[in-house]
Amino acid sequence: MTRTTTTPASAAVSHIKPSHTLTLDKLINPDARPALFSCFADGKPAVALVNVTYEGDTTFIEPLFLAIEPNVVLTDHNGATPTWSQSPGKEG
């Protein structure tokens, strides 16, 4: 996919925190065990991307990201809705 319209946020207004970067590192680690987890967020049905680890007989489920639901509208820091286009033969 090719990004066509949105304005990147400056570092001063980015919502990306160091913990988000660490989460991404966990996801791309070859030893990661990502899974989808059916759950609730603020009392509403949701799906989370989690990392599953095991220690003895205990299974740990670490939430990494919450899935975006269809009714959520994404906007950039200027309030514009990002749009995406895909060039033929360049599926992403």
PDB file of N, CA and C in Angstrom:
ATOM      1  N   MET A   1       0.827  -1.168   0.000  1.00  0.00           N
ATOM      2  CA  MET A   1       0.000   0.000   0.000  1.00  0.00           C
ATOM      3  C   MET A   1       0.874   1.235   0.000  1.00  0.00           C
ATOM      4  N   THR A   2       0.404   2.263  -0.656  1.00  0.00           N
ATOM      5  CA  THR A   2       1.134   3.515  -0.723  1.00  0.00           C
ATOM      6  C   THR A   2       0.347   4.590   0.002  1.00  0.00           C
ATOM      7  N   ARG A   3       0.989   5.290   0.884  1.00  0.00           N
ATOM      8  CA  ARG A   3       0.330   6.363   1.615  1.00  0.00           C
ATOM      9  C   ARG A   3       0.147   7.539   0.687  1.00  0.00           C
ATOM     10  N   THR A   4      -1.080   8.077   0.619  1.00  0.00           N
ATOM     11  CA  THR A   4      -1.316   9.171  -0.304  1.00  0.00           C
ATOM     12  C   THR A   4      -1.657  10.479   0.374  1.00  0.00           C
ATOM     13  N   THR A   5      -2.396  10.454   1.478  1.00  0.00           N
ATOM     14  CA  THR A   5      -2.719  11.717   2.129  1.00  0.00           C
ATOM     15  C   THR A   5      -2.706  11.580   3.634  1.00  0.00           C
ATOM     16  N   THR A   6      -1.810  12.246   4.253  1.00  0.00           N
ATOM     17  CA  THR A   6      -1.778  12.454   5.693  1.00  0.00           C
ATOM     18  C   THR A   6      -0.529  13.271   5.983  1.00  0.00           C
ATOM     19  N   THR A   7      -0.550  13.986   7.050  1.00  0.00           N
ATOM     20  CA  THR A   7       0.595  14.799   7.423  1.00  0.00           C
ATOM     21  C   THR A   7       1.260  14.154   8.623  1.00  0.00           C
ATOM     22  N   PRO A   8       2.557  13.816   8.518  1.00  0.00           N
ATOM     23  CA  PRO A   8       3.206  13.188   9.659  1.00  0.00           C
ATOM     24  C   PRO A   8       3.261  14.144  10.853  1.00  0.00           C
ATOM     25  N   ALA A   9       3.121  13.583  12.029  1.00  0.00           N
ATOM     26  CA  ALA A   9       3.191  14.386  13.242  1.00  0.00           C
ATOM     27  C   ALA A   9       4.644  14.654  13.600  1.00  0.00           C
ATOM     28  N   SER A  10       4.874  15.816  14.156  1.00  0.00           N
ATOM     29  CA  SER A  10       6.228  16.080  14.640  1.00  0.00           C
ATOM     30  C   SER A  10       6.451  15.246  15.892  1.00  0.00           C
ATOM     31  N   ALA A  11       7.693  15.057  16.259  1.00  0.00           N
ATOM     32  CA  ALA A  11       8.016  14.254  17.431  1.00  0.00           C
ATOM     33  C   ALA A  11       7.379  14.838  18.688  1.00  0.00           C
ATOM     34  N   ALA A  12       7.158  16.143  18.696  1.00  0.00           N
ATOM     35  CA  ALA A  12       6.600  16.795  19.873  1.00  0.00           C
ATOM     36  C   ALA A  12       5.140  16.411  20.109  1.00  0.00           C
ATOM     37  N   VAL A  13       4.426  15.982  19.068  1.00  0.00           N
ATOM     38  CA  VAL A  13       3.011  15.648  19.241  1.00  0.00           C
ATOM     39  C   VAL A  13       2.717  14.187  18.955  1.00  0.00           C
ATOM     40  N   SER A  14       3.718  13.377  18.793  1.00  0.00           N
ATOM     41  CA  SER A  14       3.508  11.957  18.518  1.00  0.00           C
ATOM     42  C   SER A  14       2.963  11.258  19.753  1.00  0.00           C
ATOM     43  N   HIS A  15       2.020  10.339  19.526  1.00  0.00           N
ATOM     44  CA  HIS A  15       1.475   9.536  20.607  1.00  0.00           C
ATOM     45  C   HIS A  15       2.283   8.259  20.814  1.00  0.00           C
ATOM     46  N   ILE A  16       3.308   8.045  20.013  1.00  0.00           N
ATOM     47  CA  ILE A  16       4.117   6.836  20.127  1.00  0.00           C
ATOM     48  C   ILE A  16       5.044   6.980  21.333  1.00  0.00           C
ATOM     49  N   LYS A  17       4.891   6.043  22.253  1.00  0.00           N
ATOM     50  CA  LYS A  17       5.671   6.060  23.484  1.00  0.00           C
ATOM     51  C   LYS A  17       6.761   4.999  23.408  1.00  0.00           C
ATOM     52  N   PRO A  18       7.787   5.103  24.240  1.00  0.00           N
ATOM     53  CA  PRO A  18       8.821   4.071  24.259  1.00  0.00           C
ATOM     54  C   PRO A  18       8.244   2.667  24.478  1.00  0.00           C
ATOM     55  N   SER A  19       7.184   2.560  25.264  1.00  0.00           N
ATOM     56  CA  SER A  19       6.581   1.238  25.495  1.00  0.00           C
ATOM     57  C   SER A  19       5.996   0.668  24.205  1.00  0.00           C
ATOM     58  N   HIS A  20       5.507   1.531  23.299  1.00  0.00           N
ATOM     59  CA  HIS A  20       4.997   1.061  22.012  1.00  0.00           C
ATOM     60  C   HIS A  20       6.133   0.496  21.164  1.00  0.00           C
ATOM     61  N   THR A  21       7.279   1.160  21.207  1.00  0.00           N
ATOM     62  CA  THR A  21       8.443   0.687  20.460  1.00  0.00           C
ATOM     63  C   THR A  21       8.905  -0.663  20.994  1.00  0.00           C
ATOM     64  N   LEU A  22       8.890  -0.825  22.314  1.00  0.00           N
ATOM     65  CA  LEU A  22       9.263  -2.112  22.914  1.00  0.00           C
ATOM     66  C   LEU A  22       8.276  -3.199  22.509  1.00  0.00           C
ATOM     67  N   THR A  23       6.988  -2.842  22.428  1.00  0.00           N
ATOM     68  CA  THR A  23       5.977  -3.800  22.004  1.00  0.00           C
ATOM     69  C   THR A  23       6.237  -4.252  20.573  1.00  0.00           C
ATOM     70  N   LEU A  24       6.557  -3.320  19.695  1.00  0.00           N
ATOM     71  CA  LEU A  24       6.867  -3.671  18.311  1.00  0.00           C
ATOM     72  C   LEU A  24       8.073  -4.591  18.266  1.00  0.00           C
ATOM     73  N   ASP A  25       9.086  -4.297  19.070  1.00  0.00           N
ATOM     74  CA  ASP A  25      10.266  -5.165  19.127  1.00  0.00           C
ATOM     75  C   ASP A  25       9.883  -6.588  19.527  1.00  0.00           C
ATOM     76  N   LYS A  26       8.954  -6.705  20.462  1.00  0.00           N
ATOM     77  CA  LYS A  26       8.507  -8.041  20.872  1.00  0.00           C
ATOM     78  C   LYS A  26       7.821  -8.768  19.721  1.00  0.00           C
ATOM     79  N   LEU A  27       7.042  -8.035  18.945  1.00  0.00           N
ATOM     80  CA  LEU A  27       6.304  -8.660  17.845  1.00  0.00           C
ATOM     81  C   LEU A  27       7.204  -9.154  16.732  1.00  0.00           C
ATOM     82  N   ILE A  28       8.276  -8.431  16.458  1.00  0.00           N
ATOM     83  CA  ILE A  28       9.143  -8.830  15.345  1.00  0.00           C
ATOM     84  C   ILE A  28      10.272  -9.756  15.785  1.00  0.00           C
ATOM     85  N   ASN A  29      10.349 -10.030  17.076  1.00  0.00           N
ATOM     86  CA  ASN A  29      11.332 -10.970  17.597  1.00  0.00           C
ATOM     87  C   ASN A  29      10.982 -12.370  17.101  1.00  0.00           C
ATOM     88  N   PRO A  30      11.963 -13.119  16.583  1.00  0.00           N
ATOM     89  CA  PRO A  30      11.669 -14.463  16.082  1.00  0.00           C
ATOM     90  C   PRO A  30      11.110 -15.413  17.135  1.00  0.00           C
ATOM     91  N   ASP A  31      11.336 -15.126  18.416  1.00  0.00           N
ATOM     92  CA  ASP A  31      10.826 -15.990  19.481  1.00  0.00           C
ATOM     93  C   ASP A  31       9.431 -15.587  19.959  1.00  0.00           C
ATOM     94  N   ALA A  32       8.860 -14.544  19.352  1.00  0.00           N
ATOM     95  CA  ALA A  32       7.540 -14.059  19.773  1.00  0.00           C
ATOM     96  C   ALA A  32       6.471 -15.109  19.499  1.00  0.00           C
ATOM     97  N   ARG A  33       5.466 -15.102  20.330  1.00  0.00           N
ATOM     98  CA  ARG A  33       4.314 -15.996  20.165  1.00  0.00           C
ATOM     99  C   ARG A  33       3.050 -15.137  20.169  1.00  0.00           C
ATOM    100  N   PRO A  34       2.855 -14.351  19.101  1.00  0.00           N
ATOM    101  CA  PRO A  34       1.671 -13.493  19.071  1.00  0.00           C
ATOM    102  C   PRO A  34       0.406 -14.321  18.855  1.00  0.00           C
ATOM    103  N   ALA A  35      -0.682 -13.829  19.400  1.00  0.00           N
ATOM    104  CA  ALA A  35      -1.977 -14.492  19.240  1.00  0.00           C
ATOM    105  C   ALA A  35      -3.072 -13.435  19.328  1.00  0.00           C
ATOM    106  N   LEU A  36      -4.228 -13.750  18.753  1.00  0.00           N
ATOM    107  CA  LEU A  36      -5.399 -12.899  18.915  1.00  0.00           C
ATOM    108  C   LEU A  36      -6.157 -13.379  20.145  1.00  0.00           C
ATOM    109  N   PHE A  37      -6.639 -12.436  20.936  1.00  0.00           N
ATOM    110  CA  PHE A  37      -7.299 -12.758  22.187  1.00  0.00           C
ATOM    111  C   PHE A  37      -8.646 -12.043  22.234  1.00  0.00           C
ATOM    112  N   SER A  38      -9.736 -12.798  22.299  1.00  0.00           N
ATOM    113  CA  SER A  38     -11.069 -12.228  22.417  1.00  0.00           C
ATOM    114  C   SER A  38     -11.235 -11.700  23.837  1.00  0.00           C
ATOM    115  N   CYS A  39     -11.653 -10.426  23.973  1.00  0.00           N
ATOM    116  CA  CYS A  39     -11.715  -9.814  25.297  1.00  0.00           C
ATOM    117  C   CYS A  39     -12.744  -8.678  25.298  1.00  0.00           C
ATOM    118  N   PHE A  40     -12.704  -7.883  26.332  1.00  0.00           N
ATOM    119  CA  PHE A  40     -13.531  -6.688  26.430  1.00  0.00           C
ATOM    120  C   PHE A  40     -12.622  -5.512  26.739  1.00  0.00           C
ATOM    121  N   ALA A  41     -12.907  -4.352  26.154  1.00  0.00           N
ATOM    122  CA  ALA A  41     -12.186  -3.116  26.439  1.00  0.00           C
ATOM    123  C   ALA A  41     -13.224  -2.072  26.816  1.00  0.00           C
ATOM    124  N   ASP A  42     -13.110  -1.524  28.001  1.00  0.00           N
ATOM    125  CA  ASP A  42     -14.109  -0.584  28.511  1.00  0.00           C
ATOM    126  C   ASP A  42     -15.510  -1.183  28.460  1.00  0.00           C
ATOM    127  N   GLY A  43     -15.599  -2.499  28.722  1.00  0.00           N
ATOM    128  CA  GLY A  43     -16.879  -3.177  28.751  1.00  0.00           C
ATOM    129  C   GLY A  43     -17.467  -3.529  27.400  1.00  0.00           C
ATOM    130  N   LYS A  44     -16.747  -3.226  26.319  1.00  0.00           N
ATOM    131  CA  LYS A  44     -17.243  -3.509  24.974  1.00  0.00           C
ATOM    132  C   LYS A  44     -16.433  -4.652  24.369  1.00  0.00           C
ATOM    133  N   PRO A  45     -17.072  -5.498  23.542  1.00  0.00           N
ATOM    134  CA  PRO A  45     -16.336  -6.598  22.910  1.00  0.00           C
ATOM    135  C   PRO A  45     -15.139  -6.060  22.125  1.00  0.00           C
ATOM    136  N   ALA A  46     -14.015  -6.744  22.231  1.00  0.00           N
ATOM    137  CA  ALA A  46     -12.791  -6.301  21.562  1.00  0.00           C
ATOM    138  C   ALA A  46     -11.927  -7.510  21.229  1.00  0.00           C
ATOM    139  N   VAL A  47     -10.881  -7.249  20.495  1.00  0.00           N
ATOM    140  CA  VAL A  47      -9.866  -8.243  20.180  1.00  0.00           C
ATOM    141  C   VAL A  47      -8.518  -7.593  20.428  1.00  0.00           C
ATOM    142  N   ALA A  48      -7.654  -8.297  21.136  1.00  0.00           N
ATOM    143  CA  ALA A  48      -6.321  -7.779  21.416  1.00  0.00           C
ATOM    144  C   ALA A  48      -5.279  -8.669  20.755  1.00  0.00           C
ATOM    145  N   LEU A  49      -4.193  -8.058  20.339  1.00  0.00           N
ATOM    146  CA  LEU A  49      -3.020  -8.799  19.897  1.00  0.00           C
ATOM    147  C   LEU A  49      -2.172  -8.974  21.148  1.00  0.00           C
ATOM    148  N   VAL A  50      -1.874 -10.225  21.491  1.00  0.00           N
ATOM    149  CA  VAL A  50      -1.162 -10.514  22.730  1.00  0.00           C
ATOM    150  C   VAL A  50       0.089 -11.340  22.437  1.00  0.00           C
ATOM    151  N   ASN A  51       0.993 -11.350  23.397  1.00  0.00           N
ATOM    152  CA  ASN A  51       2.150 -12.226  23.339  1.00  0.00           C
ATOM    153  C   ASN A  51       1.958 -13.290  24.410  1.00  0.00           C
ATOM    154  N   VAL A  52       2.163 -14.543  24.040  1.00  0.00           N
ATOM    155  CA  VAL A  52       1.955 -15.660  24.961  1.00  0.00           C
ATOM    156  C   VAL A  52       3.314 -16.225  25.349  1.00  0.00           C
ATOM    157  N   THR A  53       3.550 -16.329  26.658  1.00  0.00           N
ATOM    158  CA  THR A  53       4.776 -16.943  27.154  1.00  0.00           C
ATOM    159  C   THR A  53       4.407 -17.966  28.221  1.00  0.00           C
ATOM    160  N   TYR A  54       5.319 -18.879  28.447  1.00  0.00           N
ATOM    161  CA  TYR A  54       5.088 -19.953  29.404  1.00  0.00           C
ATOM    162  C   TYR A  54       6.228 -19.978  30.408  1.00  0.00           C
ATOM    163  N   GLU A  55       5.870 -20.207  31.664  1.00  0.00           N
ATOM    164  CA  GLU A  55       6.862 -20.371  32.721  1.00  0.00           C
ATOM    165  C   GLU A  55       6.377 -21.519  33.589  1.00  0.00           C
ATOM    166  N   GLY A  56       6.980 -22.676  33.404  1.00  0.00           N
ATOM    167  CA  GLY A  56       6.501 -23.865  34.108  1.00  0.00           C
ATOM    168  C   GLY A  56       5.104 -24.217  33.627  1.00  0.00           C
ATOM    169  N   ASP A  57       4.176 -24.354  34.573  1.00  0.00           N
ATOM    170  CA  ASP A  57       2.785 -24.667  34.237  1.00  0.00           C
ATOM    171  C   ASP A  57       1.929 -23.416  34.045  1.00  0.00           C
ATOM    172  N   THR A  58       2.549 -22.242  34.111  1.00  0.00           N
ATOM    173  CA  THR A  58       1.798 -20.989  34.024  1.00  0.00           C
ATOM    174  C   THR A  58       1.912 -20.393  32.627  1.00  0.00           C
ATOM    175  N   THR A  59       0.780 -19.982  32.083  1.00  0.00           N
ATOM    176  CA  THR A  59       0.729 -19.294  30.791  1.00  0.00           C
ATOM    177  C   THR A  59       0.487 -17.811  31.057  1.00  0.00           C
ATOM    178  N   PHE A  60       1.334 -16.965  30.486  1.00  0.00           N
ATOM    179  CA  PHE A  60       1.194 -15.518  30.630  1.00  0.00           C
ATOM    180  C   PHE A  60       0.717 -14.935  29.304  1.00  0.00           C
ATOM    181  N   ILE A  61      -0.309 -14.098  29.382  1.00  0.00           N
ATOM    182  CA  ILE A  61      -0.830 -13.421  28.194  1.00  0.00           C
ATOM    183  C   ILE A  61      -0.597 -11.924  28.393  1.00  0.00           C
ATOM    184  N   GLU A  62       0.290 -11.363  27.581  1.00  0.00           N
ATOM    185  CA  GLU A  62       0.646  -9.950  27.684  1.00  0.00           C
ATOM    186  C   GLU A  62      -0.023  -9.175  26.552  1.00  0.00           C
ATOM    187  N   PRO A  63      -0.933  -8.260  26.870  1.00  0.00           N
ATOM    188  CA  PRO A  63      -1.564  -7.484  25.803  1.00  0.00           C
ATOM    189  C   PRO A  63      -0.543  -6.562  25.132  1.00  0.00           C
ATOM    190  N   LEU A  64      -0.569  -6.534  23.809  1.00  0.00           N
ATOM    191  CA  LEU A  64       0.349  -5.694  23.062  1.00  0.00           C
ATOM    192  C   LEU A  64      -0.391  -4.530  22.395  1.00  0.00           C
ATOM    193  N   PHE A  65      -1.444  -4.850  21.666  1.00  0.00           N
ATOM    194  CA  PHE A  65      -2.245  -3.816  21.008  1.00  0.00           C
ATOM    195  C   PHE A  65      -3.698  -4.239  20.991  1.00  0.00           C
ATOM    196  N   LEU A  66      -4.589  -3.259  21.004  1.00  0.00           N
ATOM    197  CA  LEU A  66      -6.015  -3.505  20.888  1.00  0.00           C
ATOM    198  C   LEU A  66      -6.416  -3.274  19.440  1.00  0.00           C
ATOM    199  N   ALA A  67      -7.194  -4.180  18.881  1.00  0.00           N
ATOM    200  CA  ALA A  67      -7.611  -4.065  17.490  1.00  0.00           C
ATOM    201  C   ALA A  67      -8.549  -2.869  17.311  1.00  0.00           C
ATOM    202  N   ILE A  68      -8.449  -2.235  16.177  1.00  0.00           N
ATOM    203  CA  ILE A  68      -9.327  -1.124  15.823  1.00  0.00           C
ATOM    204  C   ILE A  68     -10.645  -1.692  15.312  1.00  0.00           C
ATOM    205  N   GLU A  69     -11.738  -1.198  15.836  1.00  0.00           N
ATOM    206  CA  GLU A  69     -13.059  -1.646  15.415  1.00  0.00           C
ATOM    207  C   GLU A  69     -13.536  -0.809  14.227  1.00  0.00           C
ATOM    208  N   PRO A  70     -14.455  -1.356  13.414  1.00  0.00           N
ATOM    209  CA  PRO A  70     -14.922  -0.653  12.215  1.00  0.00           C
ATOM    210  C   PRO A  70     -15.518   0.728  12.477  1.00  0.00           C
ATOM    211  N   ASN A  71     -16.086   0.961  13.656  1.00  0.00           N
ATOM    212  CA  ASN A  71     -16.699   2.264  13.924  1.00  0.00           C
ATOM    213  C   ASN A  71     -15.687   3.321  14.363  1.00  0.00           C
ATOM    214  N   VAL A  72     -14.429   2.961  14.498  1.00  0.00           N
ATOM    215  CA  VAL A  72     -13.391   3.918  14.884  1.00  0.00           C
ATOM    216  C   VAL A  72     -12.897   4.645  13.635  1.00  0.00           C
ATOM    217  N   VAL A  73     -12.840   5.963  13.725  1.00  0.00           N
ATOM    218  CA  VAL A  73     -12.340   6.767  12.612  1.00  0.00           C
ATOM    219  C   VAL A  73     -10.959   7.289  12.989  1.00  0.00           C
ATOM    220  N   LEU A  74      -9.953   6.935  12.193  1.00  0.00           N
ATOM    221  CA  LEU A  74      -8.595   7.403  12.447  1.00  0.00           C
ATOM    222  C   LEU A  74      -8.396   8.770  11.811  1.00  0.00           C
ATOM    223  N   THR A  75      -7.716   9.659  12.541  1.00  0.00           N
ATOM    224  CA  THR A  75      -7.335  10.959  11.977  1.00  0.00           C
ATOM    225  C   THR A  75      -5.882  11.215  12.343  1.00  0.00           C
ATOM    226  N   ASP A  76      -5.226  12.054  11.539  1.00  0.00           N
ATOM    227  CA  ASP A  76      -3.856  12.430  11.886  1.00  0.00           C
ATOM    228  C   ASP A  76      -3.914  13.584  12.887  1.00  0.00           C
ATOM    229  N   HIS A  77      -2.772  14.152  13.221  1.00  0.00           N
ATOM    230  CA  HIS A  77      -2.723  15.206  14.223  1.00  0.00           C
ATOM    231  C   HIS A  77      -3.350  16.505  13.752  1.00  0.00           C
ATOM    232  N   ASN A  78      -3.636  16.597  12.455  1.00  0.00           N
ATOM    233  CA  ASN A  78      -4.310  17.775  11.923  1.00  0.00           C
ATOM    234  C   ASN A  78      -5.806  17.549  11.760  1.00  0.00           C
ATOM    235  N   GLY A  79      -6.294  16.383  12.157  1.00  0.00           N
ATOM    236  CA  GLY A  79      -7.710  16.069  12.048  1.00  0.00           C
ATOM    237  C   GLY A  79      -8.123  15.478  10.716  1.00  0.00           C
ATOM    238  N   ALA A  80      -7.166  15.264   9.810  1.00  0.00           N
ATOM    239  CA  ALA A  80      -7.481  14.691   8.498  1.00  0.00           C
ATOM    240  C   ALA A  80      -7.533  13.171   8.580  1.00  0.00           C
ATOM    241  N   THR A  81      -8.438  12.578   7.819  1.00  0.00           N
ATOM    242  CA  THR A  81      -8.544  11.124   7.756  1.00  0.00           C
ATOM    243  C   THR A  81      -7.538  10.609   6.735  1.00  0.00           C
ATOM    244  N   PRO A  82      -6.582   9.768   7.171  1.00  0.00           N
ATOM    245  CA  PRO A  82      -5.611   9.225   6.211  1.00  0.00           C
ATOM    246  C   PRO A  82      -6.317   8.334   5.188  1.00  0.00           C
ATOM    247  N   THR A  83      -5.879   8.410   3.952  1.00  0.00           N
ATOM    248  CA  THR A  83      -6.386   7.519   2.909  1.00  0.00           C
ATOM    249  C   THR A  83      -5.219   6.749   2.344  1.00  0.00           C
ATOM    250  N   TRP A  84      -5.495   5.575   1.828  1.00  0.00           N
ATOM    251  CA  TRP A  84      -4.461   4.693   1.314  1.00  0.00           C
ATOM    252  C   TRP A  84      -4.863   4.222  -0.058  1.00  0.00           C
ATOM    253  N   SER A  85      -3.914   4.100  -0.947  1.00  0.00           N
ATOM    254  CA  SER A  85      -4.188   3.542  -2.259  1.00  0.00           C
ATOM    255  C   SER A  85      -3.204   2.429  -2.508  1.00  0.00           C
ATOM    256  N   GLN A  86      -3.570   1.561  -3.408  1.00  0.00           N
ATOM    257  CA  GLN A  86      -2.723   0.434  -3.717  1.00  0.00           C
ATOM    258  C   GLN A  86      -2.503   0.398  -5.212  1.00  0.00           C
ATOM    259  N   SER A  87      -1.245   0.375  -5.617  1.00  0.00           N
ATOM    260  CA  SER A  87      -0.924   0.302  -7.048  1.00  0.00           C
ATOM    261  C   SER A  87      -1.013  -1.135  -7.520  1.00  0.00           C
ATOM    262  N   PRO A  88      -1.552  -1.365  -8.726  1.00  0.00           N
ATOM    263  CA  PRO A  88      -1.624  -2.736  -9.232  1.00  0.00           C
ATOM    264  C   PRO A  88      -0.243  -3.373  -9.235  1.00  0.00           C
ATOM    265  N   GLY A  89      -0.178  -4.613  -8.787  1.00  0.00           N
ATOM    266  CA  GLY A  89       1.101  -5.349  -8.775  1.00  0.00           C
ATOM    267  C   GLY A  89       1.969  -5.024  -7.582  1.00  0.00           C
ATOM    268  N   LYS A  90       1.524  -4.114  -6.714  1.00  0.00           N
ATOM    269  CA  LYS A  90       2.324  -3.746  -5.552  1.00  0.00           C
ATOM    270  C   LYS A  90       1.535  -3.967  -4.278  1.00  0.00           C
ATOM    271  N   GLU A  91       0.834  -5.096  -4.208  1.00  0.00           N
ATOM    272  CA  GLU A  91       0.042  -5.388  -3.023  1.00  0.00           C
ATOM    273  C   GLU A  91       0.957  -5.491  -1.811  1.00  0.00           C
ATOM    274  N   GLY A  92       0.479  -4.957  -0.687  1.00  0.00           N
ATOM    275  CA  GLY A  92       1.309  -4.945   0.507  1.00  0.00           C
ATOM    276  C   GLY A  92       0.823  -5.730   1.572  1.00  0.00           C
TER     277      GLY A  92
END
